[in-house]
Amino acid sequence: ATPIRSLPSASVVSGMGTILAANADLSLVAQGIPDGWVRLVNPRSGEERWRAKASEEYVTAVALSRDGRLLATGSGFSESDIRLWEVASGREVGRLKGHRSWVGALVFWPEGTRLASASADQTIRLWDTATLESVGTLKGHQAEVWSLTLLPDQTTLFSGAKDGSVLAWDTSEIN
């Protein structure tokens, strides 16, 4: 197969690639650029909608809510805050604080009111995006947590760690 579109390249730091996320109807692509910037692109036209400084170091994770209203960015490697952005304006609307090390993955629940974050601190945190508060911390990995996937049932969350371990979590009991 051949690519259907090539988006304009972003600057890339040696050893770090571009982090990508798309919304449900594929009308927006968020691109985390290793030099600390995030940009929002229309993948059909290639037009950049906005760009913002999302980290002092590296953008290590991005996620777009299914409805395309919120963007979350994770930072590394000396930072651990997660920034939330209003997609329409590119305005930062809040920061989620609680991880003790860099953020490796982010995933929104379909309604956009909950976010999960995986960290090198070996935890997964669940966040309420309206209050900007952590509503739960999942502990069980013995290594950095690098990936997350939420199943269609919207309660089962899988996490993968640096050591190859994969854990399944039932999040239905967490507010």
C-alpha atoms as a PDB file:
ATOM      1  CA  ALA A   1       0.000   0.000   0.000  1.00  0.00           C
ATOM      2  CA  THR A   2       1.061   3.584  -0.496  1.00  0.00           C
ATOM      3  CA  PRO A   3       0.443   6.518   1.845  1.00  0.00           C
ATOM      4  CA  ILE A   4      -2.703   8.529   1.117  1.00  0.00           C
ATOM      5  CA  ARG A   5      -1.262  11.778   2.470  1.00  0.00           C
ATOM      6  CA  SER A   6       1.976  13.095   3.885  1.00  0.00           C
ATOM      7  CA  LEU A   7       1.728  15.791   6.531  1.00  0.00           C
ATOM      8  CA  PRO A   8       4.411  18.472   6.711  1.00  0.00           C
ATOM      9  CA  SER A   9       7.388  17.236   8.703  1.00  0.00           C
ATOM     10  CA  ALA A  10       8.175  18.532  12.135  1.00  0.00           C
ATOM     11  CA  SER A  11      11.603  18.904  13.642  1.00  0.00           C
ATOM     12  CA  VAL A  12      12.714  15.661  15.235  1.00  0.00           C
ATOM     13  CA  VAL A  13      15.289  15.176  17.950  1.00  0.00           C
ATOM     14  CA  SER A  14      17.664  12.283  17.384  1.00  0.00           C
ATOM     15  CA  GLY A  15      16.353   9.129  19.019  1.00  0.00           C
ATOM     16  CA  MET A  16      12.817  10.460  19.529  1.00  0.00           C
ATOM     17  CA  GLY A  17      10.002  10.123  17.044  1.00  0.00           C
ATOM     18  CA  THR A  18       6.718  11.895  16.543  1.00  0.00           C
ATOM     19  CA  ILE A  19       3.812  10.969  18.851  1.00  0.00           C
ATOM     20  CA  LEU A  20       0.374  10.925  17.151  1.00  0.00           C
ATOM     21  CA  ALA A  21      -3.310  10.747  18.108  1.00  0.00           C
ATOM     22  CA  ALA A  22      -6.505  11.229  16.087  1.00  0.00           C
ATOM     23  CA  ASN A  23     -10.107  11.942  16.993  1.00  0.00           C
ATOM     24  CA  ALA A  24     -12.942   9.507  16.172  1.00  0.00           C
ATOM     25  CA  ASP A  25     -13.908  10.923  12.764  1.00  0.00           C
ATOM     26  CA  LEU A  26     -10.269  11.418  11.742  1.00  0.00           C
ATOM     27  CA  SER A  27     -10.759  15.137  11.140  1.00  0.00           C
ATOM     28  CA  LEU A  28      -7.939  16.066  13.541  1.00  0.00           C
ATOM     29  CA  VAL A  29      -4.487  14.697  14.225  1.00  0.00           C
ATOM     30  CA  ALA A  30      -2.470  15.804  17.238  1.00  0.00           C
ATOM     31  CA  GLN A  31       1.274  15.591  16.803  1.00  0.00           C
ATOM     32  CA  GLY A  32       3.577  15.662  19.793  1.00  0.00           C
ATOM     33  CA  ILE A  33       6.930  16.904  18.647  1.00  0.00           C
ATOM     34  CA  PRO A  34       9.999  15.862  20.664  1.00  0.00           C
ATOM     35  CA  ASP A  35      11.227  19.460  21.039  1.00  0.00           C
ATOM     36  CA  GLY A  36       8.358  20.152  23.453  1.00  0.00           C
ATOM     37  CA  TRP A  37       5.712  21.389  21.030  1.00  0.00           C
ATOM     38  CA  VAL A  38       2.324  19.971  20.139  1.00  0.00           C
ATOM     39  CA  ARG A  39       0.434  20.823  16.996  1.00  0.00           C
ATOM     40  CA  LEU A  40      -3.038  20.115  15.706  1.00  0.00           C
ATOM     41  CA  VAL A  41      -3.369  19.292  12.014  1.00  0.00           C
ATOM     42  CA  ASN A  42      -6.264  18.718   9.635  1.00  0.00           C
ATOM     43  CA  PRO A  43      -5.136  15.437   8.029  1.00  0.00           C
ATOM     44  CA  ARG A  44      -7.264  15.950   4.925  1.00  0.00           C
ATOM     45  CA  SER A  45      -5.727  19.292   3.961  1.00  0.00           C
ATOM     46  CA  GLY A  46      -2.455  19.081   5.899  1.00  0.00           C
ATOM     47  CA  GLU A  47      -3.225  22.526   7.366  1.00  0.00           C
ATOM     48  CA  GLU A  48      -1.879  23.228  10.831  1.00  0.00           C
ATOM     49  CA  ARG A  49      -4.691  24.560  13.042  1.00  0.00           C
ATOM     50  CA  TRP A  50      -2.480  25.581  15.960  1.00  0.00           C
ATOM     51  CA  ARG A  51       0.808  24.887  17.716  1.00  0.00           C
ATOM     52  CA  ALA A  52       1.686  25.308  21.407  1.00  0.00           C
ATOM     53  CA  LYS A  53       4.611  24.719  23.736  1.00  0.00           C
ATOM     54  CA  ALA A  54       3.527  21.650  25.721  1.00  0.00           C
ATOM     55  CA  SER A  55       6.726  20.746  27.556  1.00  0.00           C
ATOM     56  CA  GLU A  56      10.092  22.145  28.510  1.00  0.00           C
ATOM     57  CA  GLU A  57      11.670  18.928  27.296  1.00  0.00           C
ATOM     58  CA  TYR A  58       9.822  16.242  25.287  1.00  0.00           C
ATOM     59  CA  VAL A  59       6.199  15.498  24.459  1.00  0.00           C
ATOM     60  CA  THR A  60       6.013  11.798  25.297  1.00  0.00           C
ATOM     61  CA  ALA A  61       2.263  11.118  24.911  1.00  0.00           C
ATOM     62  CA  VAL A  62      -0.812  12.662  23.280  1.00  0.00           C
ATOM     63  CA  ALA A  63      -4.514  11.756  23.252  1.00  0.00           C
ATOM     64  CA  LEU A  64      -7.543  13.380  21.648  1.00  0.00           C
ATOM     65  CA  SER A  65     -11.013  12.928  23.075  1.00  0.00           C
ATOM     66  CA  ARG A  66     -13.371  11.126  20.668  1.00  0.00           C
ATOM     67  CA  ASP A  67     -15.507  14.243  20.297  1.00  0.00           C
ATOM     68  CA  GLY A  68     -12.437  16.320  19.455  1.00  0.00           C
ATOM     69  CA  ARG A  69     -12.952  18.847  22.270  1.00  0.00           C
ATOM     70  CA  LEU A  70      -9.957  17.998  24.477  1.00  0.00           C
ATOM     71  CA  LEU A  71      -6.315  17.171  23.854  1.00  0.00           C
ATOM     72  CA  ALA A  72      -4.065  15.748  26.568  1.00  0.00           C
ATOM     73  CA  THR A  73      -0.270  15.880  26.397  1.00  0.00           C
ATOM     74  CA  GLY A  74       2.241  14.072  28.588  1.00  0.00           C
ATOM     75  CA  SER A  75       5.802  15.170  29.191  1.00  0.00           C
ATOM     76  CA  GLY A  76       9.191  13.702  29.913  1.00  0.00           C
ATOM     77  CA  PHE A  77      11.713  13.124  30.988  1.00  0.00           C
ATOM     78  CA  SER A  78      12.219  15.490  33.914  1.00  0.00           C
ATOM     79  CA  GLU A  79       8.541  16.535  33.858  1.00  0.00           C
ATOM     80  CA  SER A  80       5.444  14.597  34.861  1.00  0.00           C
ATOM     81  CA  ASP A  81       2.503  16.989  34.469  1.00  0.00           C
ATOM     82  CA  ILE A  82      -0.250  16.235  31.978  1.00  0.00           C
ATOM     83  CA  ARG A  83      -1.610  19.278  30.178  1.00  0.00           C
ATOM     84  CA  LEU A  84      -5.180  19.538  28.916  1.00  0.00           C
ATOM     85  CA  TRP A  85      -5.918  21.709  25.899  1.00  0.00           C
ATOM     86  CA  GLU A  86      -9.114  23.068  24.402  1.00  0.00           C
ATOM     87  CA  VAL A  87      -8.909  21.815  20.821  1.00  0.00           C
ATOM     88  CA  ALA A  88     -10.947  24.637  19.258  1.00  0.00           C
ATOM     89  CA  SER A  89      -8.679  27.411  20.556  1.00  0.00           C
ATOM     90  CA  GLY A  90      -5.386  25.728  21.471  1.00  0.00           C
ATOM     91  CA  ARG A  91      -5.726  27.196  24.975  1.00  0.00           C
ATOM     92  CA  GLU A  92      -4.324  25.221  27.902  1.00  0.00           C
ATOM     93  CA  VAL A  93      -7.247  24.537  30.272  1.00  0.00           C
ATOM     94  CA  GLY A  94      -5.494  22.713  33.092  1.00  0.00           C
ATOM     95  CA  ARG A  95      -2.741  20.492  34.404  1.00  0.00           C
ATOM     96  CA  LEU A  96      -3.003  17.120  36.033  1.00  0.00           C
ATOM     97  CA  LYS A  97      -0.383  16.628  38.723  1.00  0.00           C
ATOM     98  CA  GLY A  98       0.432  13.449  40.594  1.00  0.00           C
ATOM     99  CA  HIS A  99       2.835  11.229  38.677  1.00  0.00           C
ATOM    100  CA  ARG A 100       6.399  11.119  39.996  1.00  0.00           C
ATOM    101  CA  SER A 101       8.011  10.435  36.606  1.00  0.00           C
ATOM    102  CA  TRP A 102       7.406  10.965  32.891  1.00  0.00           C
ATOM    103  CA  VAL A 103       4.125  10.025  31.231  1.00  0.00           C
ATOM    104  CA  GLY A 104       4.296   7.288  28.597  1.00  0.00           C
ATOM    105  CA  ALA A 105       0.679   6.912  27.445  1.00  0.00           C
ATOM    106  CA  LEU A 106      -2.721   8.600  27.650  1.00  0.00           C
ATOM    107  CA  VAL A 107      -6.216   7.389  26.771  1.00  0.00           C
ATOM    108  CA  PHE A 108      -9.598   9.136  27.046  1.00  0.00           C
ATOM    109  CA  TRP A 109     -12.882   7.424  27.830  1.00  0.00           C
ATOM    110  CA  PRO A 110     -15.342   8.018  24.963  1.00  0.00           C
ATOM    111  CA  GLU A 111     -17.282  10.802  26.679  1.00  0.00           C
ATOM    112  CA  GLY A 112     -14.047  12.719  27.369  1.00  0.00           C
ATOM    113  CA  THR A 113     -14.701  13.180  31.090  1.00  0.00           C
ATOM    114  CA  ARG A 114     -12.154  10.589  32.192  1.00  0.00           C
ATOM    115  CA  LEU A 115      -8.530  10.125  31.202  1.00  0.00           C
ATOM    116  CA  ALA A 116      -6.022   7.396  32.068  1.00  0.00           C
ATOM    117  CA  SER A 117      -2.289   8.078  32.181  1.00  0.00           C
ATOM    118  CA  ALA A 118       0.598   5.606  32.330  1.00  0.00           C
ATOM    119  CA  SER A 119       3.894   6.621  33.866  1.00  0.00           C
ATOM    120  CA  ALA A 120       7.469   5.560  34.363  1.00  0.00           C
ATOM    121  CA  ASP A 121       6.639   5.722  38.094  1.00  0.00           C
ATOM    122  CA  GLN A 122       5.033   2.258  37.540  1.00  0.00           C
ATOM    123  CA  THR A 123       1.467   3.537  38.052  1.00  0.00           C
ATOM    124  CA  ILE A 124      -1.625   4.322  36.034  1.00  0.00           C
ATOM    125  CA  ARG A 125      -3.748   7.240  37.180  1.00  0.00           C
ATOM    126  CA  LEU A 126      -7.372   7.885  36.348  1.00  0.00           C
ATOM    127  CA  TRP A 127      -8.414  11.522  36.114  1.00  0.00           C
ATOM    128  CA  ASP A 128     -11.643  13.508  36.072  1.00  0.00           C
ATOM    129  CA  THR A 129     -11.060  16.022  33.279  1.00  0.00           C
ATOM    130  CA  ALA A 130     -13.694  18.458  34.617  1.00  0.00           C
ATOM    131  CA  THR A 131     -12.261  18.749  38.145  1.00  0.00           C
ATOM    132  CA  LEU A 132      -8.627  18.034  37.149  1.00  0.00           C
ATOM    133  CA  GLU A 133      -8.430  15.610  40.079  1.00  0.00           C
ATOM    134  CA  SER A 134      -7.075  12.078  40.248  1.00  0.00           C
ATOM    135  CA  VAL A 135      -9.915   9.616  40.966  1.00  0.00           C
ATOM    136  CA  GLY A 136      -7.742   6.532  41.330  1.00  0.00           C
ATOM    137  CA  THR A 137      -4.258   5.072  41.090  1.00  0.00           C
ATOM    138  CA  LEU A 138      -3.608   1.592  39.728  1.00  0.00           C
ATOM    139  CA  LYS A 139      -0.495  -0.157  41.041  1.00  0.00           C
ATOM    140  CA  GLY A 140       0.841  -3.537  40.002  1.00  0.00           C
ATOM    141  CA  HIS A 141       3.575  -3.091  37.419  1.00  0.00           C
ATOM    142  CA  GLN A 142       7.205  -3.576  38.427  1.00  0.00           C
ATOM    143  CA  ALA A 143       8.578  -1.445  35.575  1.00  0.00           C
ATOM    144  CA  GLU A 144       7.797   1.752  33.674  1.00  0.00           C
ATOM    145  CA  VAL A 145       4.268   1.679  32.202  1.00  0.00           C
ATOM    146  CA  TRP A 146       4.503   2.515  28.495  1.00  0.00           C
ATOM    147  CA  SER A 147       1.116   1.752  26.930  1.00  0.00           C
ATOM    148  CA  LEU A 148      -2.637   1.794  27.576  1.00  0.00           C
ATOM    149  CA  THR A 149      -5.691   0.501  25.736  1.00  0.00           C
ATOM    150  CA  LEU A 150      -9.313   0.925  26.799  1.00  0.00           C
ATOM    151  CA  LEU A 151     -11.641  -1.811  25.565  1.00  0.00           C
ATOM    152  CA  PRO A 152     -15.051  -0.994  24.020  1.00  0.00           C
ATOM    153  CA  ASP A 153     -16.799  -2.026  27.278  1.00  0.00           C
ATOM    154  CA  GLN A 154     -15.347   1.223  28.720  1.00  0.00           C
ATOM    155  CA  THR A 155     -14.356  -0.478  31.974  1.00  0.00           C
ATOM    156  CA  THR A 156     -11.499  -2.817  31.020  1.00  0.00           C
ATOM    157  CA  LEU A 157      -8.155  -1.075  30.713  1.00  0.00           C
ATOM    158  CA  PHE A 158      -5.006  -2.896  29.587  1.00  0.00           C
ATOM    159  CA  SER A 159      -1.537  -1.604  30.429  1.00  0.00           C
ATOM    160  CA  GLY A 160       1.847  -2.653  29.130  1.00  0.00           C
ATOM    161  CA  ALA A 161       5.197  -2.101  30.807  1.00  0.00           C
ATOM    162  CA  LYS A 162       8.837  -1.871  29.820  1.00  0.00           C
ATOM    163  CA  ASP A 163       9.486  -5.405  31.095  1.00  0.00           C
ATOM    164  CA  GLY A 164       6.876  -6.884  28.731  1.00  0.00           C
ATOM    165  CA  SER A 165       4.198  -7.418  31.364  1.00  0.00           C
ATOM    166  CA  VAL A 166       0.567  -6.726  30.464  1.00  0.00           C
ATOM    167  CA  LEU A 167      -2.105  -6.187  33.112  1.00  0.00           C
ATOM    168  CA  ALA A 168      -5.899  -5.962  32.753  1.00  0.00           C
ATOM    169  CA  TRP A 169      -7.795  -3.630  35.078  1.00  0.00           C
ATOM    170  CA  ASP A 170     -11.505  -3.410  35.934  1.00  0.00           C
ATOM    171  CA  THR A 171     -12.102   0.326  36.330  1.00  0.00           C
ATOM    172  CA  SER A 172     -15.881   0.048  36.958  1.00  0.00           C
ATOM    173  CA  GLU A 173     -15.406   0.453  40.745  1.00  0.00           C
ATOM    174  CA  ILE A 174     -13.444   3.704  40.415  1.00  0.00           C
ATOM    175  CA  ASN A 175     -15.480   6.902  40.500  1.00  0.00           C
END
